[in-house]
N, C-alpha and C. Protein backbone atom coordinates (compact mmCIF):
# COMPACT_ATOMS: atom_id res chain seq x y z
N UNK A 1 122.07 -56.15 98.51
CA UNK A 1 121.31 -54.97 98.19
C UNK A 1 122.27 -53.88 97.68
N UNK A 2 121.96 -53.35 96.54
CA UNK A 2 122.81 -52.31 95.95
C UNK A 2 122.22 -50.94 96.27
N UNK A 3 123.07 -50.06 96.61
CA UNK A 3 122.60 -48.70 96.86
C UNK A 3 122.93 -47.84 95.66
N UNK A 4 122.07 -46.94 95.38
CA UNK A 4 122.31 -46.04 94.24
C UNK A 4 123.37 -45.03 94.61
N UNK A 5 124.30 -44.87 93.73
CA UNK A 5 125.34 -43.86 93.95
C UNK A 5 124.90 -42.55 93.33
N UNK A 6 125.11 -41.54 94.04
CA UNK A 6 124.76 -40.22 93.55
C UNK A 6 125.96 -39.63 92.82
N UNK A 7 125.75 -39.31 91.56
CA UNK A 7 126.84 -38.72 90.78
C UNK A 7 127.01 -37.28 91.18
N UNK A 8 128.21 -36.93 91.48
CA UNK A 8 128.51 -35.54 91.82
C UNK A 8 129.40 -34.96 90.75
N UNK A 9 129.02 -33.81 90.30
CA UNK A 9 129.86 -33.11 89.33
C UNK A 9 130.78 -32.18 90.09
N UNK A 10 131.98 -32.09 89.58
CA UNK A 10 132.92 -31.15 90.19
C UNK A 10 132.48 -29.74 89.89
N UNK A 11 132.50 -28.91 90.88
CA UNK A 11 132.18 -27.51 90.67
C UNK A 11 133.42 -26.85 90.09
N UNK A 12 133.23 -25.95 89.14
CA UNK A 12 134.39 -25.30 88.54
C UNK A 12 135.13 -24.44 89.55
N UNK A 13 136.41 -24.46 89.47
CA UNK A 13 137.19 -23.56 90.31
C UNK A 13 137.42 -22.28 89.53
N UNK A 14 138.00 -21.30 90.17
CA UNK A 14 138.18 -20.00 89.54
C UNK A 14 139.10 -20.06 88.33
N UNK A 15 139.89 -21.08 88.22
CA UNK A 15 140.85 -21.12 87.12
C UNK A 15 140.55 -22.20 86.08
N UNK A 16 139.33 -22.71 86.05
CA UNK A 16 139.09 -23.85 85.17
C UNK A 16 138.32 -23.48 83.91
N UNK A 17 138.41 -22.27 83.42
CA UNK A 17 137.60 -21.88 82.27
C UNK A 17 137.76 -22.80 81.05
N UNK A 18 138.92 -23.43 80.81
CA UNK A 18 138.97 -24.31 79.64
C UNK A 18 138.09 -25.55 79.80
N UNK A 19 137.74 -25.94 81.03
CA UNK A 19 136.93 -27.13 81.25
C UNK A 19 135.47 -26.79 81.49
N UNK A 20 135.10 -25.56 81.30
CA UNK A 20 133.71 -25.16 81.51
C UNK A 20 132.84 -25.64 80.36
N UNK A 21 131.58 -25.82 80.65
CA UNK A 21 130.64 -26.19 79.59
C UNK A 21 130.38 -24.96 78.73
N UNK A 22 129.86 -25.13 77.51
CA UNK A 22 129.52 -23.97 76.69
C UNK A 22 128.53 -23.03 77.39
N UNK A 23 127.58 -23.61 78.12
CA UNK A 23 126.61 -22.77 78.84
C UNK A 23 127.31 -21.96 79.93
N UNK A 24 128.24 -22.58 80.64
CA UNK A 24 128.98 -21.86 81.68
C UNK A 24 129.83 -20.75 81.08
N UNK A 25 130.44 -21.01 79.94
CA UNK A 25 131.24 -19.98 79.28
C UNK A 25 130.36 -18.79 78.89
N UNK A 26 129.19 -19.08 78.31
CA UNK A 26 128.29 -18.00 77.90
C UNK A 26 127.81 -17.21 79.11
N UNK A 27 127.42 -17.90 80.17
CA UNK A 27 126.95 -17.20 81.36
C UNK A 27 128.06 -16.41 82.04
N UNK A 28 129.25 -17.00 82.11
CA UNK A 28 130.39 -16.29 82.72
C UNK A 28 130.73 -15.04 81.92
N UNK A 29 130.65 -15.13 80.60
CA UNK A 29 130.92 -13.97 79.74
C UNK A 29 129.91 -12.86 80.03
N UNK A 30 128.63 -13.22 80.11
CA UNK A 30 127.60 -12.22 80.41
C UNK A 30 127.81 -11.61 81.79
N UNK A 31 128.14 -12.44 82.76
CA UNK A 31 128.38 -11.93 84.11
C UNK A 31 129.59 -11.01 84.16
N UNK A 32 130.56 -11.26 83.29
CA UNK A 32 131.78 -10.45 83.27
C UNK A 32 131.56 -9.08 82.64
N UNK A 33 130.58 -8.99 81.74
CA UNK A 33 130.37 -7.75 80.98
C UNK A 33 130.05 -6.57 81.89
N UNK A 34 129.10 -6.72 82.79
CA UNK A 34 128.72 -5.63 83.69
C UNK A 34 127.86 -6.18 84.81
N UNK A 35 127.79 -5.46 85.89
CA UNK A 35 126.97 -5.90 87.02
C UNK A 35 125.48 -5.72 86.73
N UNK A 36 125.16 -4.97 85.68
CA UNK A 36 123.76 -4.69 85.36
C UNK A 36 123.11 -5.77 84.52
N UNK A 37 123.89 -6.72 84.03
CA UNK A 37 123.33 -7.84 83.27
C UNK A 37 123.16 -9.02 84.21
N UNK A 38 121.95 -9.53 84.26
CA UNK A 38 121.66 -10.70 85.09
C UNK A 38 121.11 -11.78 84.17
N UNK A 39 121.94 -12.75 83.78
CA UNK A 39 121.47 -13.81 82.89
C UNK A 39 120.41 -14.67 83.59
N UNK A 40 119.43 -15.08 82.83
CA UNK A 40 118.40 -15.98 83.35
C UNK A 40 118.43 -17.24 82.49
N UNK A 41 119.20 -18.24 82.92
CA UNK A 41 119.29 -19.46 82.12
C UNK A 41 118.00 -20.26 82.24
N UNK A 42 117.65 -20.92 81.17
CA UNK A 42 116.46 -21.77 81.18
C UNK A 42 116.86 -23.23 81.11
N UNK A 43 116.33 -24.02 81.99
CA UNK A 43 116.61 -25.45 81.98
C UNK A 43 115.48 -26.18 82.68
N UNK A 44 115.32 -27.43 82.36
CA UNK A 44 114.33 -28.25 83.04
C UNK A 44 115.00 -29.34 83.88
N UNK A 45 116.33 -29.34 83.88
CA UNK A 45 117.06 -30.37 84.60
C UNK A 45 117.85 -29.76 85.74
N UNK A 46 117.75 -30.38 86.91
CA UNK A 46 118.43 -29.87 88.10
C UNK A 46 119.94 -29.88 87.91
N UNK A 47 120.48 -30.92 87.28
CA UNK A 47 121.94 -30.98 87.10
C UNK A 47 122.42 -29.84 86.20
N UNK A 48 121.62 -29.46 85.21
CA UNK A 48 122.00 -28.32 84.37
C UNK A 48 121.90 -27.01 85.15
N UNK A 49 120.93 -26.91 86.04
CA UNK A 49 120.82 -25.72 86.88
C UNK A 49 122.06 -25.56 87.75
N UNK A 50 122.54 -26.65 88.31
CA UNK A 50 123.76 -26.60 89.12
C UNK A 50 124.96 -26.17 88.28
N UNK A 51 125.05 -26.69 87.06
CA UNK A 51 126.12 -26.27 86.16
C UNK A 51 126.01 -24.78 85.85
N UNK A 52 124.79 -24.32 85.57
CA UNK A 52 124.59 -22.90 85.26
C UNK A 52 124.98 -22.02 86.44
N UNK A 53 124.59 -22.41 87.63
CA UNK A 53 124.92 -21.62 88.82
C UNK A 53 126.42 -21.57 89.06
N UNK A 54 127.12 -22.64 88.69
CA UNK A 54 128.57 -22.69 88.87
C UNK A 54 129.29 -21.70 87.97
N UNK A 55 128.62 -21.18 86.96
CA UNK A 55 129.24 -20.20 86.05
C UNK A 55 129.67 -18.95 86.80
N UNK A 56 129.03 -18.65 87.92
CA UNK A 56 129.40 -17.48 88.71
C UNK A 56 130.82 -17.60 89.25
N UNK A 57 131.34 -18.82 89.36
CA UNK A 57 132.68 -19.03 89.86
C UNK A 57 133.74 -19.14 88.78
N UNK A 58 133.33 -19.07 87.53
CA UNK A 58 134.28 -19.18 86.41
C UNK A 58 134.91 -17.82 86.16
N UNK A 59 136.21 -17.77 86.15
CA UNK A 59 136.94 -16.53 85.88
C UNK A 59 137.53 -16.62 84.47
N UNK A 60 137.24 -15.62 83.67
CA UNK A 60 137.72 -15.60 82.29
C UNK A 60 138.92 -14.67 82.17
N UNK A 61 140.00 -15.14 81.58
CA UNK A 61 141.16 -14.27 81.36
C UNK A 61 140.77 -13.11 80.43
N UNK A 62 141.40 -11.98 80.62
CA UNK A 62 141.09 -10.79 79.82
C UNK A 62 141.22 -11.06 78.32
N UNK A 63 142.23 -11.83 77.93
CA UNK A 63 142.42 -12.14 76.51
C UNK A 63 141.25 -12.91 75.93
N UNK A 64 140.69 -13.83 76.70
CA UNK A 64 139.54 -14.60 76.23
C UNK A 64 138.31 -13.70 76.10
N UNK A 65 138.12 -12.82 77.05
CA UNK A 65 136.98 -11.89 76.99
C UNK A 65 137.10 -11.02 75.74
N UNK A 66 138.29 -10.54 75.44
CA UNK A 66 138.48 -9.72 74.24
C UNK A 66 138.18 -10.52 72.98
N UNK A 67 138.60 -11.79 72.94
CA UNK A 67 138.30 -12.63 71.77
C UNK A 67 136.80 -12.86 71.63
N UNK A 68 136.12 -13.10 72.74
CA UNK A 68 134.68 -13.29 72.70
C UNK A 68 133.97 -12.03 72.22
N UNK A 69 134.41 -10.87 72.71
CA UNK A 69 133.80 -9.59 72.30
C UNK A 69 134.00 -9.35 70.81
N UNK A 70 135.16 -9.76 70.29
CA UNK A 70 135.43 -9.57 68.86
C UNK A 70 134.60 -10.53 68.01
N UNK A 71 134.31 -11.71 68.53
CA UNK A 71 133.55 -12.70 67.79
C UNK A 71 132.04 -12.51 67.89
N UNK A 72 131.58 -12.04 69.03
CA UNK A 72 130.14 -11.97 69.28
C UNK A 72 129.75 -10.52 69.56
N UNK A 73 129.22 -9.87 68.55
CA UNK A 73 128.79 -8.48 68.70
C UNK A 73 127.77 -8.15 67.62
N UNK A 74 127.26 -6.94 67.61
CA UNK A 74 126.23 -6.57 66.65
C UNK A 74 126.72 -6.58 65.21
N UNK A 75 128.00 -6.50 65.00
CA UNK A 75 128.54 -6.50 63.64
C UNK A 75 128.78 -7.91 63.10
N UNK A 76 128.87 -8.89 63.98
CA UNK A 76 129.20 -10.25 63.53
C UNK A 76 128.03 -11.22 63.62
N UNK A 77 127.00 -10.86 64.35
CA UNK A 77 125.83 -11.73 64.49
C UNK A 77 124.65 -11.05 63.82
N UNK A 78 123.96 -11.77 62.96
CA UNK A 78 122.82 -11.18 62.26
C UNK A 78 121.70 -12.18 62.14
N UNK A 79 120.56 -11.69 61.75
CA UNK A 79 119.40 -12.55 61.57
C UNK A 79 118.43 -12.41 62.72
N UNK A 80 117.25 -12.91 62.50
CA UNK A 80 116.22 -12.84 63.52
C UNK A 80 116.46 -13.86 64.60
N UNK A 81 116.18 -13.48 65.82
CA UNK A 81 116.26 -14.42 66.92
C UNK A 81 115.10 -15.39 66.87
N UNK A 82 113.94 -14.89 66.51
CA UNK A 82 112.72 -15.69 66.43
C UNK A 82 112.21 -15.71 65.00
N UNK A 83 111.36 -16.69 64.70
CA UNK A 83 110.69 -16.74 63.41
C UNK A 83 109.62 -15.65 63.34
N UNK A 84 109.03 -15.50 62.16
CA UNK A 84 108.05 -14.43 61.94
C UNK A 84 106.89 -14.51 62.92
N UNK A 85 106.34 -15.70 63.11
CA UNK A 85 105.20 -15.88 64.04
C UNK A 85 105.59 -15.49 65.45
N UNK A 86 106.74 -15.96 65.93
CA UNK A 86 107.18 -15.66 67.29
C UNK A 86 107.50 -14.19 67.48
N UNK A 87 108.03 -13.54 66.45
CA UNK A 87 108.33 -12.11 66.55
C UNK A 87 107.09 -11.30 66.86
N UNK A 88 105.95 -11.73 66.33
CA UNK A 88 104.70 -11.01 66.60
C UNK A 88 104.21 -11.25 68.02
N UNK A 89 104.62 -12.35 68.62
CA UNK A 89 104.14 -12.71 69.96
C UNK A 89 105.08 -12.30 71.08
N UNK A 90 106.32 -12.00 70.75
CA UNK A 90 107.33 -11.71 71.76
C UNK A 90 107.76 -10.25 71.65
N UNK A 91 107.88 -9.60 72.80
CA UNK A 91 108.37 -8.23 72.83
C UNK A 91 109.90 -8.29 72.89
N UNK A 92 110.54 -8.18 71.73
CA UNK A 92 112.00 -8.31 71.67
C UNK A 92 112.58 -7.19 70.82
N UNK A 93 113.81 -6.84 71.13
CA UNK A 93 114.50 -5.81 70.35
C UNK A 93 114.86 -6.37 68.97
N UNK A 94 114.77 -5.52 67.98
CA UNK A 94 115.19 -5.88 66.63
C UNK A 94 116.30 -4.93 66.23
N UNK A 95 117.44 -5.50 65.88
CA UNK A 95 118.61 -4.68 65.51
C UNK A 95 118.73 -4.59 64.01
């Protein structure tokens, strides 16, 4: 009789930002910006939820945060977040 093995993912340590998933990097960046931002990740998979929650333990070096801020801001990102139909249905900021 074979027993099913439960796959366990390693939780990120405070110094593992290079091994973080893209979602963890994005969430960690948002968490680093200010205490007033509370990211609400969307997922339908429990394993992804665990990965998202682990982003709270990811520590980003100051140099990386500065690079992210330079790459991702109102001057470098443009276009609509939603299509025309969705824009009429969603209450969202337009820059």
